[in-house]
C-alpha atoms as a PDB file:
ATOM      1  CA  UNK A   1     -11.566  -5.819  10.464  1.00  0.00           C
ATOM      2  CA  UNK A   2      -7.921  -6.442   9.603  1.00  0.00           C
ATOM      3  CA  UNK A   3      -7.354  -8.922   6.806  1.00  0.00           C
ATOM      4  CA  UNK A   4      -4.681 -11.448   5.932  1.00  0.00           C
ATOM      5  CA  UNK A   5      -2.586 -11.473   2.795  1.00  0.00           C
ATOM      6  CA  UNK A   6      -3.032 -14.060   0.028  1.00  0.00           C
ATOM      7  CA  UNK A   7       0.704 -14.857   0.242  1.00  0.00           C
ATOM      8  CA  UNK A   8       3.017 -14.696   3.247  1.00  0.00           C
ATOM      9  CA  UNK A   9       5.598 -11.908   3.026  1.00  0.00           C
ATOM     10  CA  UNK A  10       8.586 -10.643   4.957  1.00  0.00           C
ATOM     11  CA  UNK A  11       9.853  -7.086   5.146  1.00  0.00           C
ATOM     12  CA  UNK A  12      11.862  -4.662   7.222  1.00  0.00           C
ATOM     13  CA  UNK A  13      10.443  -1.385   8.480  1.00  0.00           C
ATOM     14  CA  UNK A  14      12.645   1.682   8.085  1.00  0.00           C
ATOM     15  CA  UNK A  15      13.895   3.363  11.244  1.00  0.00           C
ATOM     16  CA  UNK A  16      11.306   5.636  12.838  1.00  0.00           C
ATOM     17  CA  UNK A  17       8.269   3.584  11.777  1.00  0.00           C
ATOM     18  CA  UNK A  18       6.143   1.541  14.202  1.00  0.00           C
ATOM     19  CA  UNK A  19       3.677  -1.209  13.412  1.00  0.00           C
ATOM     20  CA  UNK A  20       0.162  -0.874  14.791  1.00  0.00           C
ATOM     21  CA  UNK A  21      -2.950  -3.022  14.919  1.00  0.00           C
ATOM     22  CA  UNK A  22      -5.011  -2.005  11.846  1.00  0.00           C
ATOM     23  CA  UNK A  23      -8.345  -2.117  13.676  1.00  0.00           C
ATOM     24  CA  UNK A  24      -7.018   0.004  16.552  1.00  0.00           C
ATOM     25  CA  UNK A  25      -5.895   2.855  14.270  1.00  0.00           C
ATOM     26  CA  UNK A  26      -8.941   2.942  12.003  1.00  0.00           C
ATOM     27  CA  UNK A  27      -7.459   0.995   9.100  1.00  0.00           C
ATOM     28  CA  UNK A  28      -9.868  -1.887   8.518  1.00  0.00           C
ATOM     29  CA  UNK A  29      -9.301  -3.911   5.403  1.00  0.00           C
ATOM     30  CA  UNK A  30      -5.503  -3.847   5.539  1.00  0.00           C
ATOM     31  CA  UNK A  31      -3.281  -6.662   6.733  1.00  0.00           C
ATOM     32  CA  UNK A  32      -0.524  -4.410   8.067  1.00  0.00           C
ATOM     33  CA  UNK A  33      -0.014  -0.758   8.968  1.00  0.00           C
ATOM     34  CA  UNK A  34       3.044   1.129  10.156  1.00  0.00           C
ATOM     35  CA  UNK A  35       2.897   4.669  11.515  1.00  0.00           C
ATOM     36  CA  UNK A  36       5.531   7.400  11.441  1.00  0.00           C
ATOM     37  CA  UNK A  37       4.943   9.129  14.812  1.00  0.00           C
ATOM     38  CA  UNK A  38       7.501  11.850  14.084  1.00  0.00           C
ATOM     39  CA  UNK A  39       5.345  13.114  11.197  1.00  0.00           C
ATOM     40  CA  UNK A  40       2.206  13.554  13.319  1.00  0.00           C
ATOM     41  CA  UNK A  41       0.528  16.830  12.278  1.00  0.00           C
ATOM     42  CA  UNK A  42      -3.267  16.412  12.191  1.00  0.00           C
ATOM     43  CA  UNK A  43      -2.431  13.275  10.191  1.00  0.00           C
ATOM     44  CA  UNK A  44       0.197  10.603  10.792  1.00  0.00           C
ATOM     45  CA  UNK A  45       2.055   9.316   7.748  1.00  0.00           C
ATOM     46  CA  UNK A  46       1.493   5.597   7.331  1.00  0.00           C
ATOM     47  CA  UNK A  47       2.400   2.583   5.234  1.00  0.00           C
ATOM     48  CA  UNK A  48      -0.258  -0.055   4.618  1.00  0.00           C
ATOM     49  CA  UNK A  49      -0.099  -3.494   3.065  1.00  0.00           C
ATOM     50  CA  UNK A  50      -3.166  -5.215   1.677  1.00  0.00           C
ATOM     51  CA  UNK A  51      -3.768  -7.894  -0.887  1.00  0.00           C
ATOM     52  CA  UNK A  52      -6.219 -10.070  -2.676  1.00  0.00           C
ATOM     53  CA  UNK A  53      -6.339 -13.260  -4.696  1.00  0.00           C
ATOM     54  CA  UNK A  54      -7.537 -12.742  -8.263  1.00  0.00           C
ATOM     55  CA  UNK A  55      -8.502 -15.184 -10.970  1.00  0.00           C
ATOM     56  CA  UNK A  56      -9.383 -12.624 -13.643  1.00  0.00           C
ATOM     57  CA  UNK A  57      -7.028 -11.332 -16.323  1.00  0.00           C
ATOM     58  CA  UNK A  58      -7.233  -7.659 -15.293  1.00  0.00           C
ATOM     59  CA  UNK A  59      -4.088  -5.683 -16.012  1.00  0.00           C
ATOM     60  CA  UNK A  60      -2.359  -3.967 -13.104  1.00  0.00           C
ATOM     61  CA  UNK A  61      -3.376  -0.610 -14.610  1.00  0.00           C
ATOM     62  CA  UNK A  62      -7.013  -1.712 -14.339  1.00  0.00           C
ATOM     63  CA  UNK A  63      -6.504  -2.816 -10.739  1.00  0.00           C
ATOM     64  CA  UNK A  64      -4.875   0.554  -9.985  1.00  0.00           C
ATOM     65  CA  UNK A  65      -7.887   2.256 -11.607  1.00  0.00           C
ATOM     66  CA  UNK A  66     -10.122   0.267  -9.234  1.00  0.00           C
ATOM     67  CA  UNK A  67      -8.094   1.593  -6.283  1.00  0.00           C
ATOM     68  CA  UNK A  68      -8.501   5.167  -7.541  1.00  0.00           C
ATOM     69  CA  UNK A  69     -12.259   4.669  -8.007  1.00  0.00           C
ATOM     70  CA  UNK A  70     -12.516   3.346  -4.446  1.00  0.00           C
ATOM     71  CA  UNK A  71     -10.748   6.455  -3.096  1.00  0.00           C
ATOM     72  CA  UNK A  72     -12.957   8.722  -5.218  1.00  0.00           C
ATOM     73  CA  UNK A  73     -15.974   7.529  -3.228  1.00  0.00           C
ATOM     74  CA  UNK A  74     -14.826   9.703  -0.311  1.00  0.00           C
ATOM     75  CA  UNK A  75     -12.372  12.252  -1.716  1.00  0.00           C
ATOM     76  CA  UNK A  76     -11.203  14.175  -4.736  1.00  0.00           C
ATOM     77  CA  UNK A  77      -8.327  12.232  -6.344  1.00  0.00           C
ATOM     78  CA  UNK A  78      -5.789  13.343  -8.939  1.00  0.00           C
ATOM     79  CA  UNK A  79      -3.439  10.837 -10.594  1.00  0.00           C
ATOM     80  CA  UNK A  80       0.010  12.458 -10.722  1.00  0.00           C
ATOM     81  CA  UNK A  81       2.097   9.639 -12.151  1.00  0.00           C
ATOM     82  CA  UNK A  82       1.791   5.983 -13.110  1.00  0.00           C
ATOM     83  CA  UNK A  83       4.659   3.696 -14.131  1.00  0.00           C
ATOM     84  CA  UNK A  84       4.851   0.001 -14.944  1.00  0.00           C
ATOM     85  CA  UNK A  85       7.785  -1.691 -13.222  1.00  0.00           C
ATOM     86  CA  UNK A  86       9.194  -5.183 -12.833  1.00  0.00           C
ATOM     87  CA  UNK A  87       9.409  -7.927 -15.430  1.00  0.00           C
ATOM     88  CA  UNK A  88       6.834  -9.979 -17.358  1.00  0.00           C
ATOM     89  CA  UNK A  89       7.269 -12.752 -14.767  1.00  0.00           C
ATOM     90  CA  UNK A  90       7.015 -10.346 -11.818  1.00  0.00           C
ATOM     91  CA  UNK A  91       5.069  -7.297 -12.963  1.00  0.00           C
ATOM     92  CA  UNK A  92       4.410  -4.262 -10.848  1.00  0.00           C
ATOM     93  CA  UNK A  93       2.939  -0.805 -11.138  1.00  0.00           C
ATOM     94  CA  UNK A  94       3.522   2.369  -9.158  1.00  0.00           C
ATOM     95  CA  UNK A  95       1.315   5.418  -8.991  1.00  0.00           C
ATOM     96  CA  UNK A  96       1.301   8.695  -7.104  1.00  0.00           C
ATOM     97  CA  UNK A  97      -2.020  10.289  -6.198  1.00  0.00           C
ATOM     98  CA  UNK A  98      -3.055  13.556  -4.591  1.00  0.00           C
ATOM     99  CA  UNK A  99      -6.180  13.191  -2.492  1.00  0.00           C
ATOM    100  CA  UNK A 100      -8.192  16.084  -1.052  1.00  0.00           C
ATOM    101  CA  UNK A 101     -10.750  15.422   1.632  1.00  0.00           C
ATOM    102  CA  UNK A 102     -12.407  17.182   4.540  1.00  0.00           C
ATOM    103  CA  UNK A 103     -11.840  16.184   8.149  1.00  0.00           C
ATOM    104  CA  UNK A 104     -14.174  18.051  10.460  1.00  0.00           C
ATOM    105  CA  UNK A 105     -14.140  21.524   8.958  1.00  0.00           C
ATOM    106  CA  UNK A 106     -10.561  21.370   7.681  1.00  0.00           C
ATOM    107  CA  UNK A 107      -9.381  20.383   4.227  1.00  0.00           C
ATOM    108  CA  UNK A 108      -6.721  17.687   4.253  1.00  0.00           C
ATOM    109  CA  UNK A 109      -4.442  17.241   1.233  1.00  0.00           C
ATOM    110  CA  UNK A 110      -2.725  13.867   1.131  1.00  0.00           C
ATOM    111  CA  UNK A 111      -0.178  12.313  -1.206  1.00  0.00           C
ATOM    112  CA  UNK A 112      -0.274   8.572  -1.796  1.00  0.00           C
ATOM    113  CA  UNK A 113       2.425   6.444  -3.348  1.00  0.00           C
ATOM    114  CA  UNK A 114       1.001   3.059  -4.283  1.00  0.00           C
ATOM    115  CA  UNK A 115       2.825  -0.041  -5.474  1.00  0.00           C
ATOM    116  CA  UNK A 116       0.911  -2.977  -6.944  1.00  0.00           C
ATOM    117  CA  UNK A 117       2.721  -6.318  -7.239  1.00  0.00           C
ATOM    118  CA  UNK A 118       1.390  -9.358  -9.088  1.00  0.00           C
ATOM    119  CA  UNK A 119       2.535 -12.777  -7.888  1.00  0.00           C
ATOM    120  CA  UNK A 120       1.475 -15.754 -10.007  1.00  0.00           C
ATOM    121  CA  UNK A 121       0.532 -19.036  -8.356  1.00  0.00           C
ATOM    122  CA  UNK A 122       3.134 -21.576  -9.519  1.00  0.00           C
ATOM    123  CA  UNK A 123       0.666 -24.475  -9.364  1.00  0.00           C
ATOM    124  CA  UNK A 124      -2.405 -22.688 -10.728  1.00  0.00           C
ATOM    125  CA  UNK A 125      -1.265 -19.981 -13.189  1.00  0.00           C
ATOM    126  CA  UNK A 126      -4.813 -18.582 -13.561  1.00  0.00           C
ATOM    127  CA  UNK A 127      -4.584 -17.488  -9.916  1.00  0.00           C
ATOM    128  CA  UNK A 128      -2.442 -14.595  -8.730  1.00  0.00           C
ATOM    129  CA  UNK A 129      -1.961 -12.611  -5.601  1.00  0.00           C
ATOM    130  CA  UNK A 130      -2.063  -8.837  -5.896  1.00  0.00           C
ATOM    131  CA  UNK A 131      -0.253  -6.961  -3.147  1.00  0.00           C
ATOM    132  CA  UNK A 132      -0.937  -3.264  -2.640  1.00  0.00           C
ATOM    133  CA  UNK A 133       1.645  -1.285  -0.692  1.00  0.00           C
ATOM    134  CA  UNK A 134       0.640   2.306   0.061  1.00  0.00           C
ATOM    135  CA  UNK A 135       2.338   5.289   1.644  1.00  0.00           C
ATOM    136  CA  UNK A 136      -0.095   7.998   2.734  1.00  0.00           C
ATOM    137  CA  UNK A 137       1.180  11.336   4.031  1.00  0.00           C
ATOM    138  CA  UNK A 138       0.199  14.988   4.059  1.00  0.00           C
ATOM    139  CA  UNK A 139       1.438  16.612   0.877  1.00  0.00           C
ATOM    140  CA  UNK A 140       3.763  18.703   3.061  1.00  0.00           C
ATOM    141  CA  UNK A 141       5.239  15.524   4.652  1.00  0.00           C
ATOM    142  CA  UNK A 142       5.482  13.384   1.538  1.00  0.00           C
ATOM    143  CA  UNK A 143       9.013  14.275   0.423  1.00  0.00           C
ATOM    144  CA  UNK A 144      10.335  13.584   3.931  1.00  0.00           C
ATOM    145  CA  UNK A 145       8.939  10.017   4.080  1.00  0.00           C
ATOM    146  CA  UNK A 146       8.785   8.736   0.484  1.00  0.00           C
ATOM    147  CA  UNK A 147      12.415   7.559   0.666  1.00  0.00           C
ATOM    148  CA  UNK A 148      11.504   5.403   3.672  1.00  0.00           C
ATOM    149  CA  UNK A 149       8.631   3.906   1.681  1.00  0.00           C
ATOM    150  CA  UNK A 150      10.916   3.103  -1.239  1.00  0.00           C
ATOM    151  CA  UNK A 151      13.328   1.443   1.194  1.00  0.00           C
ATOM    152  CA  UNK A 152      10.425  -0.568   2.669  1.00  0.00           C
ATOM    153  CA  UNK A 153       9.255  -1.718  -0.783  1.00  0.00           C
ATOM    154  CA  UNK A 154      12.765  -2.957  -1.620  1.00  0.00           C
ATOM    155  CA  UNK A 155      12.657  -5.281   1.419  1.00  0.00           C
ATOM    156  CA  UNK A 156       9.404  -7.073   0.495  1.00  0.00           C
ATOM    157  CA  UNK A 157      10.004 -10.804  -0.001  1.00  0.00           C
ATOM    158  CA  UNK A 158       7.771 -13.840  -0.309  1.00  0.00           C
ATOM    159  CA  UNK A 159       8.122 -15.820   2.898  1.00  0.00           C
ATOM    160  CA  UNK A 160       8.509 -19.559   3.300  1.00  0.00           C
ATOM    161  CA  UNK A 161       6.127 -19.313   6.250  1.00  0.00           C
ATOM    162  CA  UNK A 162       2.494 -20.302   5.784  1.00  0.00           C
ATOM    163  CA  UNK A 163       0.798 -17.382   7.478  1.00  0.00           C
ATOM    164  CA  UNK A 164       0.525 -13.628   7.198  1.00  0.00           C
ATOM    165  CA  UNK A 165       3.236 -11.040   7.126  1.00  0.00           C
ATOM    166  CA  UNK A 166       6.404 -11.098   9.194  1.00  0.00           C
ATOM    167  CA  UNK A 167       7.842  -7.653   9.581  1.00  0.00           C
ATOM    168  CA  UNK A 168      11.155  -6.938  11.219  1.00  0.00           C
ATOM    169  CA  UNK A 169      10.903  -3.760  13.223  1.00  0.00           C
END
């Protein structure tokens, strides 16, 4: 079942990407998914947005480790790169993963670029929203779509609206 985000956001999708209903494309647990139909080749490159409200003091690296552990339940995962980004007031973390899994009788090698953003609650500093933005593509497609993902990430903004995400397509 599709989820909602702990904070409302706005963003702009890069040209060539189309939003889809998460439940209809087999992406339960995310609040938003965009597909890149042009990249369809046994797997369609996609961008997902998910998030959670946290009250613990886990570092973003620990939260990223949790994401890797979750993926390792169904696939072989190799961490390629991890970088802390942002500022102390608006921290972030990026990581690139290579994931190998089997679909039917075929091996599927995927590259994931993940961005984790921490947004503190102004009224209750012990609470924070963690947004996870993920690009998933075949390793052979990754270089062709990672620039679009970076462009997408640069457009993410906290919205003044009270509900969900508001993407411009």
